[in-house]
């Protein structure tokens, strides 16, 4: 039954493409785009479709510039931000593709991937190896690292109940391992998979 449901979802459910728009910029507390500055906070986000802004109409409406604006508001400083992401990315792609793209001296590095690893049924040993390597590289490139768990894809109205339960079971195991790996390196971890989000029909992109 699980295989049948998974096959149906693979054929009928598709993520929206990544929108057009700039994947980097610099923004001040007033919400204005400014010129590069050596005093600006360097904020970099790396990951999957959530970082790639799948679901909105332009990159400027995505998660990375939104977080950059919040950081600017909280610190009173300009924030120079950039996004490194691709639809469907696993932590292995983050490890072997995106981490090589990053420069050093990043002030805050935000990592968000994992849902695609679960959907691809990658095993926990592979997840441990890839996330461990990414965290070690990130620690050499950024002053602060922030890691987010898988998203709540299991709550999608397009995913049947039995398959949803299996996805959540796999996310639970992935989340627990991720917490341990981050804690051992004193890296902050956000459990988005179990956050009490108010999800209704308007939450989901078309």
Foldseek 3Di string as FASTA:
>chain_A
DLVVLLVVCVVPPDWAAQAEEAQKFKAALVGDTDDDDPPAAEEEEEEEVLLSQTQDHYNCPGDFVVVQNVVNNVPRGMHIYGYHYYHLDALQCCLPPVLVVDAAEHAEYEYEHDLSCLSVVPDVVVLLVSVLNNVVSVVRRYPAYEYEAHAQPLPDPSRDDVNSVSSLVSSVVSVVSNVVSCVVVVHHYHYNNPDPDPDDPVNGRD
